[in-house]
Protein backbone atom coordinates (compact mmCIF):
# COMPACT_ATOMS: atom_id res chain seq x y z
CA MET A 1 -2.13 -9.98 9.23
CA ARG A 2 -0.47 -8.80 6.04
CA ALA A 3 -1.83 -6.87 3.08
CA LEU A 4 -0.50 -5.58 -0.20
CA CYS A 5 -1.71 -2.14 -1.25
CA LEU A 6 -1.41 -1.37 -4.96
CA ILE A 7 -1.27 2.38 -5.55
CA THR A 8 -1.77 4.29 -8.79
CA ILE A 9 -0.44 7.84 -8.77
CA LYS A 10 -0.43 10.91 -10.99
CA PRO A 11 2.29 10.93 -13.68
CA GLY A 12 5.67 12.20 -12.51
CA LYS A 13 4.83 11.98 -8.80
CA VAL A 14 6.50 8.67 -7.85
CA ASP A 15 9.36 10.23 -5.89
CA SER A 16 7.17 12.61 -3.90
CA VAL A 17 4.63 9.90 -3.00
CA VAL A 18 7.36 7.45 -1.97
CA ALA A 19 8.87 10.16 0.26
CA ILE A 20 5.50 10.69 1.95
CA LEU A 21 4.95 6.95 2.40
CA LYS A 22 8.41 6.52 3.99
CA LYS A 23 7.31 8.88 6.77
CA LYS A 24 4.32 6.64 7.59
CA ARG A 25 6.36 3.62 8.65
CA LYS A 26 4.16 2.40 11.53
CA ILE A 27 2.79 -0.70 9.74
CA ILE A 28 4.47 -0.24 6.36
CA LYS A 29 7.06 -2.99 5.96
CA GLN A 30 8.15 -2.38 2.37
CA ILE A 31 7.58 0.15 -0.41
CA MET A 32 8.23 -0.94 -4.00
CA VAL A 33 7.99 1.05 -7.21
CA VAL A 34 6.52 -1.45 -9.67
CA ALA A 35 5.61 -1.83 -13.33
CA GLY A 36 2.09 -2.85 -14.31
CA ARG A 37 -1.33 -1.47 -13.51
CA ALA A 38 -0.06 0.00 -10.23
CA ASP A 39 2.85 2.41 -9.77
CA ILE A 40 3.71 1.61 -6.14
CA SER A 41 3.16 -1.50 -4.04
CA VAL A 42 3.20 -1.26 -0.25
CA LEU A 43 3.45 -4.26 2.07
CA LEU A 44 1.52 -3.65 5.30
CA GLN A 45 1.57 -5.71 8.48
CA GLY A 46 -0.81 -5.10 11.37
CA ASN A 47 -4.34 -5.83 12.48
CA ILE A 48 -7.31 -5.17 10.20
CA ASP A 49 -8.08 -1.80 11.80
CA GLU A 50 -4.48 -0.61 11.37
CA ILE A 51 -4.47 -1.71 7.73
CA ASN A 52 -7.84 -0.06 7.09
CA ASN A 53 -6.80 3.22 8.73
CA THR A 54 -3.50 3.26 6.83
CA VAL A 55 -5.22 2.77 3.47
CA ILE A 56 -7.74 5.49 4.33
CA ASP A 57 -4.77 7.72 5.19
CA PHE A 58 -3.19 6.92 1.79
CA LYS A 59 -6.30 8.26 0.08
CA LYS A 60 -5.63 11.67 1.66
CA ILE A 61 -2.38 12.02 -0.32
CA LYS A 62 -3.32 14.31 -3.21
CA ASP A 63 -1.15 12.60 -5.84
CA ILE A 64 -2.66 9.16 -5.25
CA VAL A 65 -5.34 8.37 -7.83
CA THR A 66 -6.48 4.88 -6.73
CA THR A 67 -5.62 2.13 -4.28
CA GLU A 68 -6.40 -1.58 -4.31
CA THR A 69 -5.74 -3.57 -1.14
CA LEU A 70 -5.13 -7.31 -1.22
CA ILE A 71 -5.52 -8.80 2.26
CA GLU A 72 -3.74 -12.06 3.01
CA VAL A 73 -6.00 -14.95 3.95
CA GLU A 74 -5.03 -18.23 5.49
CA VAL A 75 -6.22 -21.15 3.41
CA ASN A 76 -5.37 -24.79 3.97
CA MET A 77 -4.33 -25.96 0.52
CA GLY A 78 -3.52 -29.44 1.78
CA TRP A 79 0.14 -29.19 0.84
């Protein structure tokens, strides 16, 4: 299962948060600094419990303001 976690952080804290996230590489597959409503996007791959626990762990990082997790679903689009 894959999920995309959109993270909003405090101004000026991108580098420090990315450094912290790089240390938590168990199910993190990619970290991207992005433009838009989020500051950082993290691609996660694991089971639902691993994803849930990782996102809960993200919320313990003091410079993270909010997270939004988009969990991949399998849908038969008929293509």
